[in-house]
């Protein structure tokens, strides 16, 4: 005896609805934040990449200036401490025998 199974009803898949983006407002923004969908970022043009490179160069130059000025300020302090320790004999002779 064979069992007759009832036919399985095919599940209908819902149609996917693609919504167009909202109309642009008066502001010409290159980044559009659409609620919870994330951030849409587009390619940077030649002028934008030039400004980005210029900003990066300014940050590097300011960091270099800061580090060199800190070195130049601390250099006389270190030299003065070295001279004082040399003149007072604070460094001592590490190879001298203890009495």
PDB file of N, CA and C in Angstrom:
ATOM      1  N   UNK A   1       0.823  -1.158   0.000  1.00  0.00           N
ATOM      2  CA  UNK A   1       0.000   0.000   0.000  1.00  0.00           C
ATOM      3  C   UNK A   1       0.878   1.236   0.000  1.00  0.00           C
ATOM      4  N   UNK A   2       0.546   2.116  -0.832  1.00  0.00           N
ATOM      5  CA  UNK A   2       1.287   3.364  -0.893  1.00  0.00           C
ATOM      6  C   UNK A   2       0.464   4.462  -0.246  1.00  0.00           C
ATOM      7  N   UNK A   3       1.170   5.289   0.440  1.00  0.00           N
ATOM      8  CA  UNK A   3       0.483   6.402   1.102  1.00  0.00           C
ATOM      9  C   UNK A   3       0.405   7.568   0.132  1.00  0.00           C
ATOM     10  N   UNK A   4      -0.708   8.161   0.074  1.00  0.00           N
ATOM     11  CA  UNK A   4      -0.878   9.355  -0.756  1.00  0.00           C
ATOM     12  C   UNK A   4      -0.682  10.578   0.126  1.00  0.00           C
ATOM     13  N   UNK A   5       0.382  11.301  -0.163  1.00  0.00           N
ATOM     14  CA  UNK A   5       0.642  12.520   0.598  1.00  0.00           C
ATOM     15  C   UNK A   5      -0.091  13.679  -0.063  1.00  0.00           C
ATOM     16  N   UNK A   6      -0.620  14.557   0.760  1.00  0.00           N
ATOM     17  CA  UNK A   6      -1.295  15.710   0.157  1.00  0.00           C
ATOM     18  C   UNK A   6      -0.251  16.617  -0.499  1.00  0.00           C
ATOM     19  N   UNK A   7      -0.574  17.221  -1.607  1.00  0.00           N
ATOM     20  CA  UNK A   7       0.398  18.104  -2.276  1.00  0.00           C
ATOM     21  C   UNK A   7       0.755  19.299  -1.387  1.00  0.00           C
ATOM     22  N   UNK A   8       2.053  19.588  -1.368  1.00  0.00           N
ATOM     23  CA  UNK A   8       2.545  20.711  -0.568  1.00  0.00           C
ATOM     24  C   UNK A   8       2.296  21.993  -1.347  1.00  0.00           C
ATOM     25  N   UNK A   9       1.678  22.918  -0.681  1.00  0.00           N
ATOM     26  CA  UNK A   9       1.389  24.195  -1.335  1.00  0.00           C
ATOM     27  C   UNK A   9       2.684  24.982  -1.488  1.00  0.00           C
ATOM     28  N   UNK A  10       2.908  25.492  -2.678  1.00  0.00           N
ATOM     29  CA  UNK A  10       4.106  26.283  -2.907  1.00  0.00           C
ATOM     30  C   UNK A  10       3.975  27.611  -2.177  1.00  0.00           C
ATOM     31  N   UNK A  11       5.052  27.930  -1.476  1.00  0.00           N
ATOM     32  CA  UNK A  11       5.029  29.195  -0.747  1.00  0.00           C
ATOM     33  C   UNK A  11       5.280  30.315  -1.733  1.00  0.00           C
ATOM     34  N   UNK A  12       4.454  31.291  -1.664  1.00  0.00           N
ATOM     35  CA  UNK A  12       4.660  32.422  -2.558  1.00  0.00           C
ATOM     36  C   UNK A  12       5.701  33.352  -1.935  1.00  0.00           C
ATOM     37  N   UNK A  13       6.712  33.693  -2.723  1.00  0.00           N
ATOM     38  CA  UNK A  13       7.746  34.599  -2.229  1.00  0.00           C
ATOM     39  C   UNK A  13       7.276  36.026  -2.456  1.00  0.00           C
ATOM     40  N   UNK A  14       7.432  36.863  -1.453  1.00  0.00           N
ATOM     41  CA  UNK A  14       6.987  38.250  -1.618  1.00  0.00           C
ATOM     42  C   UNK A  14       7.892  38.980  -2.611  1.00  0.00           C
ATOM     43  N   UNK A  15       7.299  39.876  -3.346  1.00  0.00           N
ATOM     44  CA  UNK A  15       8.092  40.650  -4.297  1.00  0.00           C
ATOM     45  C   UNK A  15       8.916  41.680  -3.551  1.00  0.00           C
ATOM     46  N   UNK A  16      10.148  41.842  -3.972  1.00  0.00           N
ATOM     47  CA  UNK A  16      11.031  42.831  -3.359  1.00  0.00           C
ATOM     48  C   UNK A  16      10.748  44.174  -3.999  1.00  0.00           C
ATOM     49  N   UNK A  17      10.533  45.145  -3.148  1.00  0.00           N
ATOM     50  CA  UNK A  17      10.229  46.481  -3.652  1.00  0.00           C
ATOM     51  C   UNK A  17      11.468  47.351  -3.522  1.00  0.00           C
ATOM     52  N   UNK A  18      11.920  47.907  -4.603  1.00  0.00           N
ATOM     53  CA  UNK A  18      13.088  48.767  -4.605  1.00  0.00           C
ATOM     54  C   UNK A  18      12.594  50.206  -4.615  1.00  0.00           C
ATOM     55  N   UNK A  19      12.963  50.919  -3.576  1.00  0.00           N
ATOM     56  CA  UNK A  19      12.525  52.307  -3.448  1.00  0.00           C
ATOM     57  C   UNK A  19      13.597  53.234  -3.999  1.00  0.00           C
ATOM     58  N   UNK A  20      13.208  54.218  -4.778  1.00  0.00           N
ATOM     59  CA  UNK A  20      14.193  55.189  -5.268  1.00  0.00           C
ATOM     60  C   UNK A  20      14.643  56.103  -4.135  1.00  0.00           C
ATOM     61  N   UNK A  21      15.846  56.684  -4.254  1.00  0.00           N
ATOM     62  CA  UNK A  21      16.304  57.605  -3.208  1.00  0.00           C
ATOM     63  C   UNK A  21      15.419  58.842  -3.163  1.00  0.00           C
ATOM     64  N   UNK A  22      15.389  59.495  -2.008  1.00  0.00           N
ATOM     65  CA  UNK A  22      14.556  60.690  -1.897  1.00  0.00           C
ATOM     66  C   UNK A  22      15.095  61.798  -2.801  1.00  0.00           C
ATOM     67  N   UNK A  23      14.239  62.707  -3.198  1.00  0.00           N
ATOM     68  CA  UNK A  23      14.711  63.801  -4.057  1.00  0.00           C
ATOM     69  C   UNK A  23      15.724  64.669  -3.321  1.00  0.00           C
ATOM     70  N   UNK A  24      16.670  65.198  -4.083  1.00  0.00           N
ATOM     71  CA  UNK A  24      17.719  66.026  -3.480  1.00  0.00           C
ATOM     72  C   UNK A  24      17.151  67.346  -3.022  1.00  0.00           C
ATOM     73  N   UNK A  25      17.692  67.798  -1.908  1.00  0.00           N
ATOM     74  CA  UNK A  25      17.280  69.103  -1.407  1.00  0.00           C
ATOM     75  C   UNK A  25      18.184  70.173  -2.016  1.00  0.00           C
ATOM     76  N   UNK A  26      18.027  71.404  -1.563  1.00  0.00           N
ATOM     77  CA  UNK A  26      18.825  72.494  -2.105  1.00  0.00           C
ATOM     78  C   UNK A  26      20.302  72.369  -1.766  1.00  0.00           C
ATOM     79  N   UNK A  27      20.618  71.742  -0.636  1.00  0.00           N
ATOM     80  CA  UNK A  27      22.019  71.592  -0.240  1.00  0.00           C
ATOM     81  C   UNK A  27      22.677  70.503  -1.081  1.00  0.00           C
ATOM     82  N   UNK A  28      23.863  70.773  -1.569  1.00  0.00           N
ATOM     83  CA  UNK A  28      24.586  69.819  -2.412  1.00  0.00           C
ATOM     84  C   UNK A  28      25.561  69.028  -1.544  1.00  0.00           C
ATOM     85  N   UNK A  29      25.036  68.142  -0.745  1.00  0.00           N
ATOM     86  CA  UNK A  29      25.873  67.348   0.130  1.00  0.00           C
ATOM     87  C   UNK A  29      26.388  66.125  -0.610  1.00  0.00           C
ATOM     88  N   UNK A  30      27.646  65.779  -0.375  1.00  0.00           N
ATOM     89  CA  UNK A  30      28.221  64.606  -1.025  1.00  0.00           C
ATOM     90  C   UNK A  30      28.039  63.367  -0.162  1.00  0.00           C
ATOM     91  N   UNK A  31      27.663  63.545   1.098  1.00  0.00           N
ATOM     92  CA  UNK A  31      27.427  62.409   1.979  1.00  0.00           C
ATOM     93  C   UNK A  31      25.962  62.454   2.388  1.00  0.00           C
ATOM     94  N   UNK A  32      25.277  61.339   2.193  1.00  0.00           N
ATOM     95  CA  UNK A  32      23.867  61.265   2.514  1.00  0.00           C
ATOM     96  C   UNK A  32      23.677  60.221   3.584  1.00  0.00           C
ATOM     97  N   UNK A  33      23.124  60.620   4.729  1.00  0.00           N
ATOM     98  CA  UNK A  33      22.861  59.686   5.816  1.00  0.00           C
ATOM     99  C   UNK A  33      21.386  59.363   5.754  1.00  0.00           C
ATOM    100  N   UNK A  34      21.075  58.119   5.452  1.00  0.00           N
ATOM    101  CA  UNK A  34      19.690  57.719   5.253  1.00  0.00           C
ATOM    102  C   UNK A  34      19.142  56.913   6.394  1.00  0.00           C
ATOM    103  N   UNK A  35      18.943  57.514   7.538  1.00  0.00           N
ATOM    104  CA  UNK A  35      18.334  56.813   8.658  1.00  0.00           C
ATOM    105  C   UNK A  35      19.226  55.715   9.182  1.00  0.00           C
ATOM    106  N   UNK A  36      18.677  54.497   9.241  1.00  0.00           N
ATOM    107  CA  UNK A  36      19.428  53.376   9.791  1.00  0.00           C
ATOM    108  C   UNK A  36      20.159  52.599   8.719  1.00  0.00           C
ATOM    109  N   UNK A  37      20.108  53.062   7.489  1.00  0.00           N
ATOM    110  CA  UNK A  37      20.719  52.308   6.393  1.00  0.00           C
ATOM    111  C   UNK A  37      22.209  52.565   6.260  1.00  0.00           C
ATOM    112  N   UNK A  38      22.754  53.529   6.961  1.00  0.00           N
ATOM    113  CA  UNK A  38      24.193  53.766   6.912  1.00  0.00           C
ATOM    114  C   UNK A  38      24.556  55.045   6.183  1.00  0.00           C
ATOM    115  N   UNK A  39      25.807  55.130   5.798  1.00  0.00           N
ATOM    116  CA  UNK A  39      26.342  56.322   5.168  1.00  0.00           C
ATOM    117  C   UNK A  39      26.762  55.982   3.745  1.00  0.00           C
ATOM    118  N   UNK A  40      26.349  56.805   2.814  1.00  0.00           N
ATOM    119  CA  UNK A  40      26.738  56.613   1.421  1.00  0.00           C
ATOM    120  C   UNK A  40      27.886  57.576   1.138  1.00  0.00           C
ATOM    121  N   UNK A  41      29.028  57.034   0.766  1.00  0.00           N
ATOM    122  CA  UNK A  41      30.210  57.851   0.503  1.00  0.00           C
ATOM    123  C   UNK A  41      30.562  57.701  -0.965  1.00  0.00           C
ATOM    124  N   UNK A  42      30.851  58.812  -1.611  1.00  0.00           N
ATOM    125  CA  UNK A  42      31.212  58.753  -3.024  1.00  0.00           C
ATOM    126  C   UNK A  42      32.692  59.075  -3.179  1.00  0.00           C
ATOM    127  N   UNK A  43      33.199  58.917  -4.387  1.00  0.00           N
ATOM    128  CA  UNK A  43      34.614  59.159  -4.654  1.00  0.00           C
ATOM    129  C   UNK A  43      34.963  60.629  -4.438  1.00  0.00           C
ATOM    130  N   UNK A  44      36.182  60.850  -3.988  1.00  0.00           N
ATOM    131  CA  UNK A  44      36.673  62.209  -3.780  1.00  0.00           C
ATOM    132  C   UNK A  44      37.277  62.686  -5.100  1.00  0.00           C
ATOM    133  N   UNK A  45      36.907  63.875  -5.487  1.00  0.00           N
ATOM    134  CA  UNK A  45      37.413  64.431  -6.733  1.00  0.00           C
ATOM    135  C   UNK A  45      38.835  64.947  -6.586  1.00  0.00           C
ATOM    136  N   UNK A  46      39.383  65.508  -7.652  1.00  0.00           N
ATOM    137  CA  UNK A  46      40.765  66.002  -7.590  1.00  0.00           C
ATOM    138  C   UNK A  46      40.951  67.150  -6.600  1.00  0.00           C
ATOM    139  N   UNK A  47      39.982  68.053  -6.527  1.00  0.00           N
ATOM    140  CA  UNK A  47      40.093  69.181  -5.600  1.00  0.00           C
ATOM    141  C   UNK A  47      39.996  68.695  -4.154  1.00  0.00           C
ATOM    142  N   UNK A  48      39.099  67.758  -3.899  1.00  0.00           N
ATOM    143  CA  UNK A  48      38.958  67.205  -2.552  1.00  0.00           C
ATOM    144  C   UNK A  48      40.186  66.438  -2.118  1.00  0.00           C
ATOM    145  N   UNK A  49      40.765  65.669  -3.031  1.00  0.00           N
ATOM    146  CA  UNK A  49      41.977  64.927  -2.675  1.00  0.00           C
ATOM    147  C   UNK A  49      43.151  65.875  -2.444  1.00  0.00           C
ATOM    148  N   UNK A  50      43.185  66.988  -3.174  1.00  0.00           N
ATOM    149  CA  UNK A  50      44.229  67.988  -2.954  1.00  0.00           C
ATOM    150  C   UNK A  50      44.076  68.617  -1.566  1.00  0.00           C
ATOM    151  N   UNK A  51      42.849  68.936  -1.178  1.00  0.00           N
ATOM    152  CA  UNK A  51      42.622  69.498   0.147  1.00  0.00           C
ATOM    153  C   UNK A  51      42.942  68.483   1.246  1.00  0.00           C
ATOM    154  N   UNK A  52      42.616  67.228   1.006  1.00  0.00           N
ATOM    155  CA  UNK A  52      42.915  66.189   1.982  1.00  0.00           C
ATOM    156  C   UNK A  52      44.422  66.020   2.148  1.00  0.00           C
ATOM    157  N   UNK A  53      45.155  66.017   1.055  1.00  0.00           N
ATOM    158  CA  UNK A  53      46.612  65.896   1.119  1.00  0.00           C
ATOM    159  C   UNK A  53      47.226  67.119   1.805  1.00  0.00           C
ATOM    160  N   UNK A  54      46.685  68.302   1.536  1.00  0.00           N
ATOM    161  CA  UNK A  54      47.180  69.524   2.169  1.00  0.00           C
ATOM    162  C   UNK A  54      46.946  69.485   3.682  1.00  0.00           C
ATOM    163  N   UNK A  55      45.774  69.033   4.102  1.00  0.00           N
ATOM    164  CA  UNK A  55      45.482  68.932   5.530  1.00  0.00           C
ATOM    165  C   UNK A  55      46.407  67.920   6.199  1.00  0.00           C
ATOM    166  N   UNK A  56      46.657  66.811   5.536  1.00  0.00           N
ATOM    167  CA  UNK A  56      47.563  65.794   6.078  1.00  0.00           C
ATOM    168  C   UNK A  56      48.978  66.361   6.207  1.00  0.00           C
ATOM    169  N   UNK A  57      49.434  67.113   5.219  1.00  0.00           N
ATOM    170  CA  UNK A  57      50.768  67.708   5.262  1.00  0.00           C
ATOM    171  C   UNK A  57      50.876  68.742   6.383  1.00  0.00           C
ATOM    172  N   UNK A  58      49.819  69.518   6.617  1.00  0.00           N
ATOM    173  CA  UNK A  58      49.838  70.511   7.694  1.00  0.00           C
ATOM    174  C   UNK A  58      49.924  69.824   9.051  1.00  0.00           C
ATOM    175  N   UNK A  59      49.179  68.730   9.222  1.00  0.00           N
ATOM    176  CA  UNK A  59      49.232  67.998  10.488  1.00  0.00           C
ATOM    177  C   UNK A  59      50.631  67.412  10.712  1.00  0.00           C
ATOM    178  N   UNK A  60      51.228  66.855   9.676  1.00  0.00           N
ATOM    179  CA  UNK A  60      52.585  66.326   9.801  1.00  0.00           C
ATOM    180  C   UNK A  60      53.591  67.432  10.120  1.00  0.00           C
ATOM    181  N   UNK A  61      53.463  68.577   9.469  1.00  0.00           N
ATOM    182  CA  UNK A  61      54.389  69.682   9.721  1.00  0.00           C
ATOM    183  C   UNK A  61      54.257  70.194  11.153  1.00  0.00           C
ATOM    184  N   UNK A  62      53.021  70.306  11.643  1.00  0.00           N
ATOM    185  CA  UNK A  62      52.835  70.767  13.022  1.00  0.00           C
ATOM    186  C   UNK A  62      53.412  69.767  14.025  1.00  0.00           C
ATOM    187  N   UNK A  63      53.248  68.485  13.751  1.00  0.00           N
ATOM    188  CA  UNK A  63      53.841  67.474  14.631  1.00  0.00           C
ATOM    189  C   UNK A  63      55.355  67.535  14.605  1.00  0.00           C
ATOM    190  N   UNK A  64      55.932  67.732  13.422  1.00  0.00           N
ATOM    191  CA  UNK A  64      57.390  67.845  13.313  1.00  0.00           C
ATOM    192  C   UNK A  64      57.897  69.073  14.058  1.00  0.00           C
ATOM    193  N   UNK A  65      57.201  70.188  13.919  1.00  0.00           N
ATOM    194  CA  UNK A  65      57.599  71.416  14.617  1.00  0.00           C
ATOM    195  C   UNK A  65      57.508  71.222  16.122  1.00  0.00           C
ATOM    196  N   UNK A  66      56.441  70.573  16.573  1.00  0.00           N
ATOM    197  CA  UNK A  66      56.285  70.334  18.013  1.00  0.00           C
ATOM    198  C   UNK A  66      57.411  69.456  18.553  1.00  0.00           C
ATOM    199  N   UNK A  67      57.725  68.378  17.854  1.00  0.00           N
ATOM    200  CA  UNK A  67      58.764  67.472  18.340  1.00  0.00           C
ATOM    201  C   UNK A  67      60.150  68.115  18.320  1.00  0.00           C
ATOM    202  N   UNK A  68      60.468  68.854  17.266  1.00  0.00           N
ATOM    203  CA  UNK A  68      61.779  69.504  17.216  1.00  0.00           C
ATOM    204  C   UNK A  68      61.894  70.611  18.252  1.00  0.00           C
ATOM    205  N   UNK A  69      60.809  71.340  18.496  1.00  0.00           N
ATOM    206  CA  UNK A  69      60.884  72.393  19.517  1.00  0.00           C
ATOM    207  C   UNK A  69      61.024  71.782  20.909  1.00  0.00           C
ATOM    208  N   UNK A  70      60.357  70.656  21.153  1.00  0.00           N
ATOM    209  CA  UNK A  70      60.517  69.988  22.453  1.00  0.00           C
ATOM    210  C   UNK A  70      61.956  69.504  22.613  1.00  0.00           C
ATOM    211  N   UNK A  71      62.539  68.980  21.539  1.00  0.00           N
ATOM    212  CA  UNK A  71      63.941  68.539  21.598  1.00  0.00           C
ATOM    213  C   UNK A  71      64.863  69.720  21.856  1.00  0.00           C
ATOM    214  N   UNK A  72      64.627  70.844  21.177  1.00  0.00           N
ATOM    215  CA  UNK A  72      65.500  72.008  21.346  1.00  0.00           C
ATOM    216  C   UNK A  72      65.352  72.634  22.720  1.00  0.00           C
ATOM    217  N   UNK A  73      64.195  72.521  23.341  1.00  0.00           N
ATOM    218  CA  UNK A  73      64.013  73.058  24.685  1.00  0.00           C
ATOM    219  C   UNK A  73      64.686  72.150  25.714  1.00  0.00           C
ATOM    220  N   UNK A  74      64.577  70.830  25.507  1.00  0.00           N
ATOM    221  CA  UNK A  74      65.135  69.901  26.483  1.00  0.00           C
ATOM    222  C   UNK A  74      66.640  69.688  26.333  1.00  0.00           C
ATOM    223  N   UNK A  75      67.197  70.014  25.183  1.00  0.00           N
ATOM    224  CA  UNK A  75      68.625  69.802  24.950  1.00  0.00           C
ATOM    225  C   UNK A  75      69.498  70.592  25.930  1.00  0.00           C
ATOM    226  N   UNK A  76      69.269  71.900  26.148  1.00  0.00           N
ATOM    227  CA  UNK A  76      70.101  72.610  27.134  1.00  0.00           C
ATOM    228  C   UNK A  76      69.926  72.089  28.553  1.00  0.00           C
ATOM    229  N   UNK A  77      68.736  71.619  28.891  1.00  0.00           N
ATOM    230  CA  UNK A  77      68.514  71.075  30.234  1.00  0.00           C
ATOM    231  C   UNK A  77      69.350  69.815  30.433  1.00  0.00           C
ATOM    232  N   UNK A  78      69.353  68.940  29.451  1.00  0.00           N
ATOM    233  CA  UNK A  78      70.138  67.706  29.541  1.00  0.00           C
ATOM    234  C   UNK A  78      71.626  68.025  29.563  1.00  0.00           C
ATOM    235  N   UNK A  79      72.064  68.971  28.739  1.00  0.00           N
ATOM    236  CA  UNK A  79      73.481  69.349  28.736  1.00  0.00           C
ATOM    237  C   UNK A  79      73.896  69.959  30.065  1.00  0.00           C
ATOM    238  N   UNK A  80      73.032  70.769  30.662  1.00  0.00           N
ATOM    239  CA  UNK A  80      73.358  71.368  31.960  1.00  0.00           C
ATOM    240  C   UNK A  80      73.456  70.290  33.036  1.00  0.00           C
ATOM    241  N   UNK A  81      72.541  69.339  33.054  1.00  0.00           N
ATOM    242  CA  UNK A  81      72.612  68.263  34.036  1.00  0.00           C
ATOM    243  C   UNK A  81      73.845  67.398  33.828  1.00  0.00           C
ATOM    244  N   UNK A  82      74.211  67.147  32.591  1.00  0.00           N
ATOM    245  CA  UNK A  82      75.415  66.355  32.313  1.00  0.00           C
ATOM    246  C   UNK A  82      76.666  67.100  32.769  1.00  0.00           C
ATOM    247  N   UNK A  83      76.715  68.409  32.524  1.00  0.00           N
ATOM    248  CA  UNK A  83      77.871  69.192  32.947  1.00  0.00           C
ATOM    249  C   UNK A  83      77.975  69.231  34.465  1.00  0.00           C
ATOM    250  N   UNK A  84      76.859  69.394  35.156  1.00  0.00           N
ATOM    251  CA  UNK A  84      76.871  69.434  36.625  1.00  0.00           C
ATOM    252  C   UNK A  84      77.327  68.096  37.186  1.00  0.00           C
ATOM    253  N   UNK A  85      76.820  67.001  36.623  1.00  0.00           N
ATOM    254  CA  UNK A  85      77.226  65.691  37.141  1.00  0.00           C
ATOM    255  C   UNK A  85      78.695  65.404  36.838  1.00  0.00           C
ATOM    256  N   UNK A  86      79.192  65.896  35.735  1.00  0.00           N
ATOM    257  CA  UNK A  86      80.617  65.710  35.402  1.00  0.00           C
ATOM    258  C   UNK A  86      81.499  66.511  36.347  1.00  0.00           C
ATOM    259  N   UNK A  87      81.116  67.789  36.587  1.00  0.00           N
ATOM    260  CA  UNK A  87      81.937  68.652  37.429  1.00  0.00           C
ATOM    261  C   UNK A  87      81.908  68.239  38.885  1.00  0.00           C
ATOM    262  N   UNK A  88      80.828  67.699  39.366  1.00  0.00           N
ATOM    263  CA  UNK A  88      80.751  67.308  40.774  1.00  0.00           C
ATOM    264  C   UNK A  88      81.206  65.879  41.002  1.00  0.00           C
ATOM    265  N   UNK A  89      81.444  65.153  39.956  1.00  0.00           N
ATOM    266  CA  UNK A  89      81.887  63.773  40.100  1.00  0.00           C
ATOM    267  C   UNK A  89      80.762  62.848  40.521  1.00  0.00           C
ATOM    268  N   UNK A  90      79.545  63.213  40.229  1.00  0.00           N
ATOM    269  CA  UNK A  90      78.387  62.411  40.636  1.00  0.00           C
ATOM    270  C   UNK A  90      78.345  61.085  39.897  1.00  0.00           C
ATOM    271  N   UNK A  91      78.917  61.070  38.699  1.00  0.00           N
ATOM    272  CA  UNK A  91      78.884  59.815  37.951  1.00  0.00           C
ATOM    273  C   UNK A  91      79.857  58.808  38.546  1.00  0.00           C
ATOM    274  N   UNK A  92      80.941  59.282  39.163  1.00  0.00           N
ATOM    275  CA  UNK A  92      81.890  58.406  39.806  1.00  0.00           C
ATOM    276  C   UNK A  92      82.649  57.533  38.816  1.00  0.00           C
ATOM    277  N   UNK A  93      83.435  56.621  39.349  1.00  0.00           N
ATOM    278  CA  UNK A  93      84.187  55.697  38.525  1.00  0.00           C
ATOM    279  C   UNK A  93      83.625  54.304  38.786  1.00  0.00           C
ATOM    280  N   UNK A  94      82.927  53.720  37.842  1.00  0.00           N
ATOM    281  CA  UNK A  94      82.311  52.407  38.109  1.00  0.00           C
ATOM    282  C   UNK A  94      83.339  51.288  38.242  1.00  0.00           C
ATOM    283  N   UNK A  95      84.581  51.514  37.773  1.00  0.00           N
ATOM    284  CA  UNK A  95      85.592  50.468  37.830  1.00  0.00           C
ATOM    285  C   UNK A  95      86.503  50.608  39.059  1.00  0.00           C
ATOM    286  N   UNK A  96      86.210  51.559  39.941  1.00  0.00           N
ATOM    287  CA  UNK A  96      87.021  51.772  41.128  1.00  0.00           C
ATOM    288  C   UNK A  96      86.692  50.699  42.155  1.00  0.00           C
ATOM    289  N   UNK A  97      87.724  50.259  42.866  1.00  0.00           N
ATOM    290  CA  UNK A  97      87.540  49.232  43.870  1.00  0.00           C
ATOM    291  C   UNK A  97      87.017  49.871  45.155  1.00  0.00           C
ATOM    292  N   UNK A  98      86.028  49.225  45.778  1.00  0.00           N
ATOM    293  CA  UNK A  98      85.478  49.744  47.028  1.00  0.00           C
ATOM    294  C   UNK A  98      86.427  49.449  48.183  1.00  0.00           C
ATOM    295  N   UNK A  99      86.585  50.369  49.178  1.00  0.00           N
ATOM    296  CA  UNK A  99      87.504  50.123  50.311  1.00  0.00           C
ATOM    297  C   UNK A  99      86.979  49.083  51.263  1.00  0.00           C
TER     298      UNK A  99
END
